[in-house]
PDB file of N, CA and C in Angstrom:
ATOM      1  N   UNK A   1      32.099 -19.678  24.076  1.00  0.00           N
ATOM      2  CA  UNK A   1      31.108 -20.604  24.324  1.00  0.00           C
ATOM      3  C   UNK A   1      29.941 -20.934  23.221  1.00  0.00           C
ATOM      4  N   UNK A   2      30.164 -22.625  23.554  1.00  0.00           N
ATOM      5  CA  UNK A   2      29.349 -23.168  22.043  1.00  0.00           C
ATOM      6  C   UNK A   2      27.610 -23.147  22.671  1.00  0.00           C
ATOM      7  N   UNK A   3      26.884 -23.498  21.495  1.00  0.00           N
ATOM      8  CA  UNK A   3      25.243 -23.170  21.531  1.00  0.00           C
ATOM      9  C   UNK A   3      24.954 -24.196  22.976  1.00  0.00           C
ATOM     10  N   UNK A   4      25.544 -25.073  23.351  1.00  0.00           N
ATOM     11  CA  UNK A   4      25.071 -26.380  24.231  1.00  0.00           C
ATOM     12  C   UNK A   4      25.293 -25.716  25.511  1.00  0.00           C
ATOM     13  N   UNK A   5      26.692 -25.062  25.415  1.00  0.00           N
ATOM     14  CA  UNK A   5      26.976 -24.397  27.272  1.00  0.00           C
ATOM     15  C   UNK A   5      26.130 -23.372  27.148  1.00  0.00           C
ATOM     16  N   UNK A   6      25.857 -22.742  26.094  1.00  0.00           N
ATOM     17  CA  UNK A   6      24.701 -21.408  26.571  1.00  0.00           C
ATOM     18  C   UNK A   6      23.519 -22.067  26.667  1.00  0.00           C
ATOM     19  N   UNK A   7      23.235 -23.061  26.637  1.00  0.00           N
ATOM     20  CA  UNK A   7      21.504 -23.579  26.338  1.00  0.00           C
ATOM     21  C   UNK A   7      22.075 -24.110  27.969  1.00  0.00           C
ATOM     22  N   UNK A   8      23.294 -24.988  28.480  1.00  0.00           N
ATOM     23  CA  UNK A   8      22.819 -25.199  29.918  1.00  0.00           C
ATOM     24  C   UNK A   8      22.987 -24.175  30.902  1.00  0.00           C
ATOM     25  N   UNK A   9      23.643 -23.182  30.601  1.00  0.00           N
ATOM     26  CA  UNK A   9      23.861 -21.731  31.460  1.00  0.00           C
ATOM     27  C   UNK A   9      22.299 -21.114  31.278  1.00  0.00           C
ATOM     28  N   UNK A  10      21.522 -20.724  30.381  1.00  0.00           N
ATOM     29  CA  UNK A  10      20.333 -20.283  30.540  1.00  0.00           C
ATOM     30  C   UNK A  10      19.277 -21.428  31.449  1.00  0.00           C
ATOM     31  N   UNK A  11      19.749 -22.537  31.057  1.00  0.00           N
ATOM     32  CA  UNK A  11      18.975 -24.002  31.966  1.00  0.00           C
ATOM     33  C   UNK A  11      19.108 -23.503  33.379  1.00  0.00           C
ATOM     34  N   UNK A  12      20.351 -23.159  33.807  1.00  0.00           N
ATOM     35  CA  UNK A  12      20.473 -23.039  35.589  1.00  0.00           C
ATOM     36  C   UNK A  12      20.171 -21.632  35.655  1.00  0.00           C
ATOM     37  N   UNK A  13      20.484 -20.675  34.983  1.00  0.00           N
ATOM     38  CA  UNK A  13      19.598 -19.453  35.402  1.00  0.00           C
ATOM     39  C   UNK A  13      18.311 -19.867  35.854  1.00  0.00           C
ATOM     40  N   UNK A  14      17.792 -20.280  35.079  1.00  0.00           N
ATOM     41  CA  UNK A  14      15.858 -20.615  34.783  1.00  0.00           C
ATOM     42  C   UNK A  14      15.807 -21.391  36.494  1.00  0.00           C
ATOM     43  N   UNK A  15      16.555 -22.525  36.348  1.00  0.00           N
ATOM     44  CA  UNK A  15      16.366 -23.004  37.770  1.00  0.00           C
ATOM     45  C   UNK A  15      16.514 -22.114  38.982  1.00  0.00           C
ATOM     46  N   UNK A  16      17.689 -21.369  39.260  1.00  0.00           N
ATOM     47  CA  UNK A  16      17.759 -20.635  40.140  1.00  0.00           C
ATOM     48  C   UNK A  16      16.478 -19.504  40.581  1.00  0.00           C
ATOM     49  N   UNK A  17      15.701 -18.938  39.148  1.00  0.00           N
ATOM     50  CA  UNK A  17      14.821 -18.251  39.161  1.00  0.00           C
ATOM     51  C   UNK A  17      13.961 -18.552  38.359  1.00  0.00           C
ATOM     52  N   UNK A  18      12.885 -19.400  38.804  1.00  0.00           N
ATOM     53  CA  UNK A  18      11.534 -19.683  38.235  1.00  0.00           C
ATOM     54  C   UNK A  18      11.010 -18.486  37.454  1.00  0.00           C
ATOM     55  N   UNK A  19      10.904 -17.477  37.966  1.00  0.00           N
ATOM     56  CA  UNK A  19      10.026 -16.514  38.088  1.00  0.00           C
ATOM     57  C   UNK A  19      10.533 -15.951  36.227  1.00  0.00           C
ATOM     58  N   UNK A  20      11.309 -16.112  36.068  1.00  0.00           N
ATOM     59  CA  UNK A  20      11.991 -15.693  34.688  1.00  0.00           C
ATOM     60  C   UNK A  20      11.007 -16.349  33.666  1.00  0.00           C
ATOM     61  N   UNK A  21      10.584 -18.175  33.992  1.00  0.00           N
ATOM     62  CA  UNK A  21      10.320 -18.472  33.010  1.00  0.00           C
ATOM     63  C   UNK A  21       8.748 -17.905  32.675  1.00  0.00           C
ATOM     64  N   UNK A  22       8.410 -17.342  33.331  1.00  0.00           N
ATOM     65  CA  UNK A  22       6.803 -16.397  33.210  1.00  0.00           C
ATOM     66  C   UNK A  22       7.169 -15.435  32.676  1.00  0.00           C
ATOM     67  N   UNK A  23       8.246 -14.383  33.310  1.00  0.00           N
ATOM     68  CA  UNK A  23       8.620 -13.345  32.253  1.00  0.00           C
ATOM     69  C   UNK A  23       8.619 -13.978  30.743  1.00  0.00           C
ATOM     70  N   UNK A  24       9.409 -14.890  30.419  1.00  0.00           N
ATOM     71  CA  UNK A  24       9.671 -15.018  29.314  1.00  0.00           C
ATOM     72  C   UNK A  24       8.663 -15.631  28.556  1.00  0.00           C
ATOM     73  N   UNK A  25       7.672 -16.130  29.038  1.00  0.00           N
ATOM     74  CA  UNK A  25       6.326 -16.496  28.504  1.00  0.00           C
ATOM     75  C   UNK A  25       5.760 -15.241  27.879  1.00  0.00           C
ATOM     76  N   UNK A  26       5.447 -14.782  28.711  1.00  0.00           N
ATOM     77  CA  UNK A  26       4.651 -13.424  29.031  1.00  0.00           C
ATOM     78  C   UNK A  26       5.332 -12.400  27.812  1.00  0.00           C
ATOM     79  N   UNK A  27       6.778 -12.567  27.624  1.00  0.00           N
ATOM     80  CA  UNK A  27       7.392 -11.350  26.426  1.00  0.00           C
ATOM     81  C   UNK A  27       6.758 -12.170  25.461  1.00  0.00           C
ATOM     82  N   UNK A  28       7.594 -13.322  25.229  1.00  0.00           N
ATOM     83  CA  UNK A  28       6.918 -13.928  23.946  1.00  0.00           C
ATOM     84  C   UNK A  28       5.602 -13.724  23.349  1.00  0.00           C
ATOM     85  N   UNK A  29       4.455 -13.601  24.229  1.00  0.00           N
ATOM     86  CA  UNK A  29       2.864 -13.485  24.066  1.00  0.00           C
ATOM     87  C   UNK A  29       2.717 -12.335  23.586  1.00  0.00           C
ATOM     88  N   UNK A  30       3.584 -11.650  24.059  1.00  0.00           N
ATOM     89  CA  UNK A  30       3.379  -9.736  23.835  1.00  0.00           C
ATOM     90  C   UNK A  30       4.131  -9.746  22.486  1.00  0.00           C
ATOM     91  N   UNK A  31       5.308 -10.429  22.116  1.00  0.00           N
ATOM     92  CA  UNK A  31       5.602 -10.363  21.053  1.00  0.00           C
ATOM     93  C   UNK A  31       4.722 -10.725  19.945  1.00  0.00           C
ATOM     94  N   UNK A  32       3.968 -12.100  20.291  1.00  0.00           N
ATOM     95  CA  UNK A  32       3.431 -12.620  19.287  1.00  0.00           C
ATOM     96  C   UNK A  32       1.976 -11.898  18.854  1.00  0.00           C
ATOM     97  N   UNK A  33       1.819 -11.326  19.616  1.00  0.00           N
ATOM     98  CA  UNK A  33       0.386 -10.226  19.568  1.00  0.00           C
ATOM     99  C   UNK A  33       0.753  -9.641  18.467  1.00  0.00           C
ATOM    100  N   UNK A  34       1.800  -8.588  19.118  1.00  0.00           N
ATOM    101  CA  UNK A  34       2.243  -7.356  18.650  1.00  0.00           C
ATOM    102  C   UNK A  34       2.629  -7.647  17.085  1.00  0.00           C
ATOM    103  N   UNK A  35       3.144  -8.866  17.178  1.00  0.00           N
ATOM    104  CA  UNK A  35       3.730  -9.159  15.345  1.00  0.00           C
ATOM    105  C   UNK A  35       2.313  -9.027  14.875  1.00  0.00           C
ATOM    106  N   UNK A  36       1.301  -9.957  15.189  1.00  0.00           N
ATOM    107  CA  UNK A  36       0.213 -10.038  14.750  1.00  0.00           C
ATOM    108  C   UNK A  36      -0.754  -9.042  13.949  1.00  0.00           C
ATOM    109  N   UNK A  37      -0.453  -7.973  15.481  1.00  0.00           N
ATOM    110  CA  UNK A  37      -1.169  -6.718  15.343  1.00  0.00           C
ATOM    111  C   UNK A  37      -0.586  -6.053  13.850  1.00  0.00           C
ATOM    112  N   UNK A  38       0.558  -5.803  14.047  1.00  0.00           N
ATOM    113  CA  UNK A  38       1.637  -5.247  13.102  1.00  0.00           C
ATOM    114  C   UNK A  38       1.559  -5.722  11.592  1.00  0.00           C
ATOM    115  N   UNK A  39       0.861  -6.988  11.741  1.00  0.00           N
ATOM    116  CA  UNK A  39       1.030  -7.848  10.057  1.00  0.00           C
ATOM    117  C   UNK A  39      -0.673  -7.421   9.724  1.00  0.00           C
ATOM    118  N   UNK A  40      -1.670  -7.330  10.567  1.00  0.00           N
ATOM    119  CA  UNK A  40      -3.220  -7.073  10.478  1.00  0.00           C
ATOM    120  C   UNK A  40      -2.664  -5.483   9.914  1.00  0.00           C
ATOM    121  N   UNK A  41      -2.466  -4.420  10.428  1.00  0.00           N
ATOM    122  CA  UNK A  41      -2.176  -3.354  10.271  1.00  0.00           C
ATOM    123  C   UNK A  41      -1.580  -2.946   8.754  1.00  0.00           C
ATOM    124  N   UNK A  42      -0.142  -3.888   8.399  1.00  0.00           N
ATOM    125  CA  UNK A  42       0.791  -3.763   7.304  1.00  0.00           C
ATOM    126  C   UNK A  42      -0.644  -4.130   6.147  1.00  0.00           C
ATOM    127  N   UNK A  43      -1.555  -5.325   6.455  1.00  0.00           N
ATOM    128  CA  UNK A  43      -1.953  -5.910   5.228  1.00  0.00           C
ATOM    129  C   UNK A  43      -3.415  -4.869   5.363  1.00  0.00           C
ATOM    130  N   UNK A  44      -3.965  -4.213   6.218  1.00  0.00           N
ATOM    131  CA  UNK A  44      -5.255  -3.263   5.792  1.00  0.00           C
ATOM    132  C   UNK A  44      -4.490  -1.838   5.104  1.00  0.00           C
ATOM    133  N   UNK A  45      -3.103  -1.793   5.450  1.00  0.00           N
ATOM    134  CA  UNK A  45      -2.688  -0.508   4.866  1.00  0.00           C
ATOM    135  C   UNK A  45      -2.197  -0.849   3.060  1.00  0.00           C
ATOM    136  N   UNK A  46      -1.664  -2.345   2.863  1.00  0.00           N
ATOM    137  CA  UNK A  46      -1.246  -2.327   1.619  1.00  0.00           C
ATOM    138  C   UNK A  46      -2.469  -2.598   0.606  1.00  0.00           C
ATOM    139  N   UNK A  47      -3.930  -2.896   1.360  1.00  0.00           N
ATOM    140  CA  UNK A  47      -5.190  -3.041   0.408  1.00  0.00           C
ATOM    141  C   UNK A  47      -5.536  -1.836   0.226  1.00  0.00           C
ATOM    142  N   UNK A  48      -5.282  -0.537   0.732  1.00  0.00           N
ATOM    143  CA  UNK A  48      -6.012   0.700   0.926  1.00  0.00           C
ATOM    144  C   UNK A  48      -4.442   1.322  -0.009  1.00  0.00           C
ATOM    145  N   UNK A  49      -3.209   1.202  -0.041  1.00  0.00           N
ATOM    146  CA  UNK A  49      -2.315   1.060  -1.200  1.00  0.00           C
ATOM    147  C   UNK A  49      -2.721   0.823  -2.529  1.00  0.00           C
ATOM    148  N   UNK A  50      -3.351  -0.489  -2.502  1.00  0.00           N
ATOM    149  CA  UNK A  50      -3.886  -0.813  -4.098  1.00  0.00           C
ATOM    150  C   UNK A  50      -5.077  -0.229  -4.052  1.00  0.00           C
ATOM    151  N   UNK A  51      -5.979   0.197  -3.707  1.00  0.00           N
ATOM    152  CA  UNK A  51      -7.769   0.466  -3.925  1.00  0.00           C
ATOM    153  C   UNK A  51      -6.822   2.194  -4.255  1.00  0.00           C
ATOM    154  N   UNK A  52      -5.796   2.740  -4.003  1.00  0.00           N
ATOM    155  CA  UNK A  52      -5.353   4.201  -4.109  1.00  0.00           C
ATOM    156  C   UNK A  52      -5.231   3.477  -5.678  1.00  0.00           C
ATOM    157  N   UNK A  53      -4.190   2.922  -5.559  1.00  0.00           N
ATOM    158  CA  UNK A  53      -3.414   2.965  -7.293  1.00  0.00           C
ATOM    159  C   UNK A  53      -4.129   2.520  -8.259  1.00  0.00           C
ATOM    160  N   UNK A  54      -5.126   1.568  -7.664  1.00  0.00           N
ATOM    161  CA  UNK A  54      -6.122   1.571  -8.841  1.00  0.00           C
ATOM    162  C   UNK A  54      -7.118   2.630  -8.928  1.00  0.00           C
ATOM    163  N   UNK A  55      -7.794   3.540  -7.923  1.00  0.00           N
ATOM    164  CA  UNK A  55      -8.071   4.681  -8.243  1.00  0.00           C
ATOM    165  C   UNK A  55      -7.634   5.636  -9.155  1.00  0.00           C
ATOM    166  N   UNK A  56      -5.809   5.780  -9.036  1.00  0.00           N
ATOM    167  CA  UNK A  56      -5.287   7.033  -9.590  1.00  0.00           C
ATOM    168  C   UNK A  56      -5.156   6.173 -11.479  1.00  0.00           C
ATOM    169  N   UNK A  57      -5.018   5.185 -11.319  1.00  0.00           N
ATOM    170  CA  UNK A  57      -4.902   4.650 -12.933  1.00  0.00           C
ATOM    171  C   UNK A  57      -6.163   4.806 -13.781  1.00  0.00           C
ATOM    172  N   UNK A  58      -7.463   4.775 -12.614  1.00  0.00           N
ATOM    173  CA  UNK A  58      -8.663   4.734 -13.387  1.00  0.00           C
ATOM    174  C   UNK A  58      -8.938   6.327 -13.639  1.00  0.00           C
ATOM    175  N   UNK A  59      -8.451   7.274 -12.561  1.00  0.00           N
ATOM    176  CA  UNK A  59      -8.121   8.474 -13.196  1.00  0.00           C
ATOM    177  C   UNK A  59      -7.360   8.771 -14.403  1.00  0.00           C
ATOM    178  N   UNK A  60      -6.488   8.608 -14.257  1.00  0.00           N
ATOM    179  CA  UNK A  60      -5.571   8.764 -15.274  1.00  0.00           C
ATOM    180  C   UNK A  60      -5.664   8.397 -17.246  1.00  0.00           C
ATOM    181  N   UNK A  61      -6.538   7.009 -16.703  1.00  0.00           N
ATOM    182  CA  UNK A  61      -7.241   6.792 -17.817  1.00  0.00           C
ATOM    183  C   UNK A  61      -8.741   7.527 -18.348  1.00  0.00           C
ATOM    184  N   UNK A  62      -8.921   8.329 -17.360  1.00  0.00           N
ATOM    185  CA  UNK A  62     -10.233   8.975 -18.005  1.00  0.00           C
ATOM    186  C   UNK A  62      -9.510  10.362 -18.477  1.00  0.00           C
ATOM    187  N   UNK A  63      -8.711  10.846 -17.693  1.00  0.00           N
ATOM    188  CA  UNK A  63      -8.008  12.252 -18.165  1.00  0.00           C
ATOM    189  C   UNK A  63      -7.732  11.833 -20.126  1.00  0.00           C
ATOM    190  N   UNK A  64      -6.880  10.927 -20.097  1.00  0.00           N
ATOM    191  CA  UNK A  64      -6.220  10.117 -21.427  1.00  0.00           C
ATOM    192  C   UNK A  64      -8.004  10.501 -22.602  1.00  0.00           C
ATOM    193  N   UNK A  65      -8.830   9.687 -22.064  1.00  0.00           N
ATOM    194  CA  UNK A  65     -10.037   9.791 -22.482  1.00  0.00           C
ATOM    195  C   UNK A  65     -10.575  10.819 -22.712  1.00  0.00           C
ATOM    196  N   UNK A  66     -10.453  11.967 -22.042  1.00  0.00           N
ATOM    197  CA  UNK A  66     -11.218  13.177 -21.836  1.00  0.00           C
ATOM    198  C   UNK A  66     -10.637  14.135 -22.953  1.00  0.00           C
ATOM    199  N   UNK A  67      -8.952  14.090 -22.734  1.00  0.00           N
ATOM    200  CA  UNK A  67      -8.236  14.349 -23.727  1.00  0.00           C
ATOM    201  C   UNK A  67      -8.282  14.432 -25.051  1.00  0.00           C
ATOM    202  N   UNK A  68      -8.668  12.943 -25.786  1.00  0.00           N
ATOM    203  CA  UNK A  68      -8.919  12.603 -26.873  1.00  0.00           C
ATOM    204  C   UNK A  68     -10.129  12.757 -27.499  1.00  0.00           C
ATOM    205  N   UNK A  69     -11.043  13.453 -26.327  1.00  0.00           N
ATOM    206  CA  UNK A  69     -12.688  13.765 -26.865  1.00  0.00           C
ATOM    207  C   UNK A  69     -12.650  15.222 -26.843  1.00  0.00           C
ATOM    208  N   UNK A  70     -12.004  16.095 -25.952  1.00  0.00           N
ATOM    209  CA  UNK A  70     -11.584  17.542 -26.174  1.00  0.00           C
ATOM    210  C   UNK A  70     -10.582  17.769 -27.521  1.00  0.00           C
ATOM    211  N   UNK A  71      -9.593  16.594 -27.972  1.00  0.00           N
ATOM    212  CA  UNK A  71      -8.931  16.822 -29.356  1.00  0.00           C
ATOM    213  C   UNK A  71      -9.972  16.511 -30.685  1.00  0.00           C
ATOM    214  N   UNK A  72     -10.866  15.632 -30.160  1.00  0.00           N
ATOM    215  CA  UNK A  72     -12.064  15.860 -31.382  1.00  0.00           C
ATOM    216  C   UNK A  72     -12.898  16.456 -31.446  1.00  0.00           C
ATOM    217  N   UNK A  73     -13.600  16.944 -30.363  1.00  0.00           N
ATOM    218  CA  UNK A  73     -14.453  18.571 -30.823  1.00  0.00           C
ATOM    219  C   UNK A  73     -13.741  19.651 -30.915  1.00  0.00           C
ATOM    220  N   UNK A  74     -12.438  19.592 -30.745  1.00  0.00           N
ATOM    221  CA  UNK A  74     -11.563  20.780 -30.879  1.00  0.00           C
ATOM    222  C   UNK A  74     -11.610  20.957 -32.816  1.00  0.00           C
ATOM    223  N   UNK A  75     -11.254  19.705 -33.050  1.00  0.00           N
ATOM    224  CA  UNK A  75     -10.870  19.500 -34.377  1.00  0.00           C
ATOM    225  C   UNK A  75     -12.532  19.486 -35.496  1.00  0.00           C
ATOM    226  N   UNK A  76     -13.758  19.001 -34.596  1.00  0.00           N
ATOM    227  CA  UNK A  76     -15.189  19.722 -35.478  1.00  0.00           C
ATOM    228  C   UNK A  76     -15.116  20.737 -35.193  1.00  0.00           C
ATOM    229  N   UNK A  77     -15.114  21.724 -33.963  1.00  0.00           N
ATOM    230  CA  UNK A  77     -15.245  23.005 -34.066  1.00  0.00           C
ATOM    231  C   UNK A  77     -14.184  23.663 -35.036  1.00  0.00           C
ATOM    232  N   UNK A  78     -13.042  23.299 -35.577  1.00  0.00           N
ATOM    233  CA  UNK A  78     -12.108  24.221 -36.585  1.00  0.00           C
ATOM    234  C   UNK A  78     -12.730  23.800 -37.555  1.00  0.00           C
ATOM    235  N   UNK A  79     -13.259  22.729 -38.043  1.00  0.00           N
ATOM    236  CA  UNK A  79     -13.892  22.614 -39.288  1.00  0.00           C
ATOM    237  C   UNK A  79     -15.073  23.420 -39.546  1.00  0.00           C
ATOM    238  N   UNK A  80     -15.965  23.508 -38.390  1.00  0.00           N
ATOM    239  CA  UNK A  80     -17.426  24.333 -38.460  1.00  0.00           C
ATOM    240  C   UNK A  80     -16.894  26.041 -38.532  1.00  0.00           C
ATOM    241  N   UNK A  81     -15.829  25.973 -38.129  1.00  0.00           N
ATOM    242  CA  UNK A  81     -15.256  27.706 -38.354  1.00  0.00           C
ATOM    243  C   UNK A  81     -14.997  27.895 -39.450  1.00  0.00           C
ATOM    244  N   UNK A  82     -14.537  27.041 -40.059  1.00  0.00           N
ATOM    245  CA  UNK A  82     -13.558  26.883 -41.222  1.00  0.00           C
ATOM    246  C   UNK A  82     -14.767  27.331 -42.352  1.00  0.00           C
ATOM    247  N   UNK A  83     -15.757  26.538 -42.370  1.00  0.00           N
ATOM    248  CA  UNK A  83     -16.630  26.289 -43.064  1.00  0.00           C
ATOM    249  C   UNK A  83     -17.889  27.512 -42.836  1.00  0.00           C
ATOM    250  N   UNK A  84     -18.010  28.226 -41.975  1.00  0.00           N
ATOM    251  CA  UNK A  84     -18.383  29.783 -41.500  1.00  0.00           C
ATOM    252  C   UNK A  84     -17.886  30.607 -42.006  1.00  0.00           C
ATOM    253  N   UNK A  85     -16.705  30.640 -41.843  1.00  0.00           N
ATOM    254  CA  UNK A  85     -15.807  31.388 -42.524  1.00  0.00           C
ATOM    255  C   UNK A  85     -15.688  31.508 -44.049  1.00  0.00           C
ATOM    256  N   UNK A  86     -15.784  30.526 -44.869  1.00  0.00           N
ATOM    257  CA  UNK A  86     -15.903  30.162 -46.212  1.00  0.00           C
ATOM    258  C   UNK A  86     -17.391  31.052 -46.561  1.00  0.00           C
ATOM    259  N   UNK A  87     -18.343  30.693 -45.763  1.00  0.00           N
ATOM    260  CA  UNK A  87     -19.995  30.943 -46.090  1.00  0.00           C
ATOM    261  C   UNK A  87     -19.614  32.556 -45.957  1.00  0.00           C
ATOM    262  N   UNK A  88     -19.107  33.283 -45.083  1.00  0.00           N
ATOM    263  CA  UNK A  88     -18.967  34.698 -44.851  1.00  0.00           C
ATOM    264  C   UNK A  88     -18.464  35.315 -45.666  1.00  0.00           C
ATOM    265  N   UNK A  89     -17.305  34.546 -46.315  1.00  0.00           N
ATOM    266  CA  UNK A  89     -16.308  35.666 -47.425  1.00  0.00           C
ATOM    267  C   UNK A  89     -17.138  35.254 -49.046  1.00  0.00           C
ATOM    268  N   UNK A  90     -18.136  34.343 -49.086  1.00  0.00           N
ATOM    269  CA  UNK A  90     -19.059  34.479 -50.298  1.00  0.00           C
ATOM    270  C   UNK A  90     -19.921  35.675 -50.276  1.00  0.00           C
TER     271      UNK A  90
END
């Protein structure tokens, strides 16, 4: 059956049962509202995921900076400790 035949068949069914038009319209509205709610939920979810991604990137960079600071202070401590050992040996 081609598309035109299907359309004519649907028109005949709706002519015999006009309540189906209301049911179809209602179903269409419900699907539209559900789609809008799903889109809004996903938009909020994506926004939260982006915020989390930015937070974890900032946290990663903070750990890197902290590690660099710790390395710097460890080197200073090693130098001070070496100087103290030299002074104690004199």
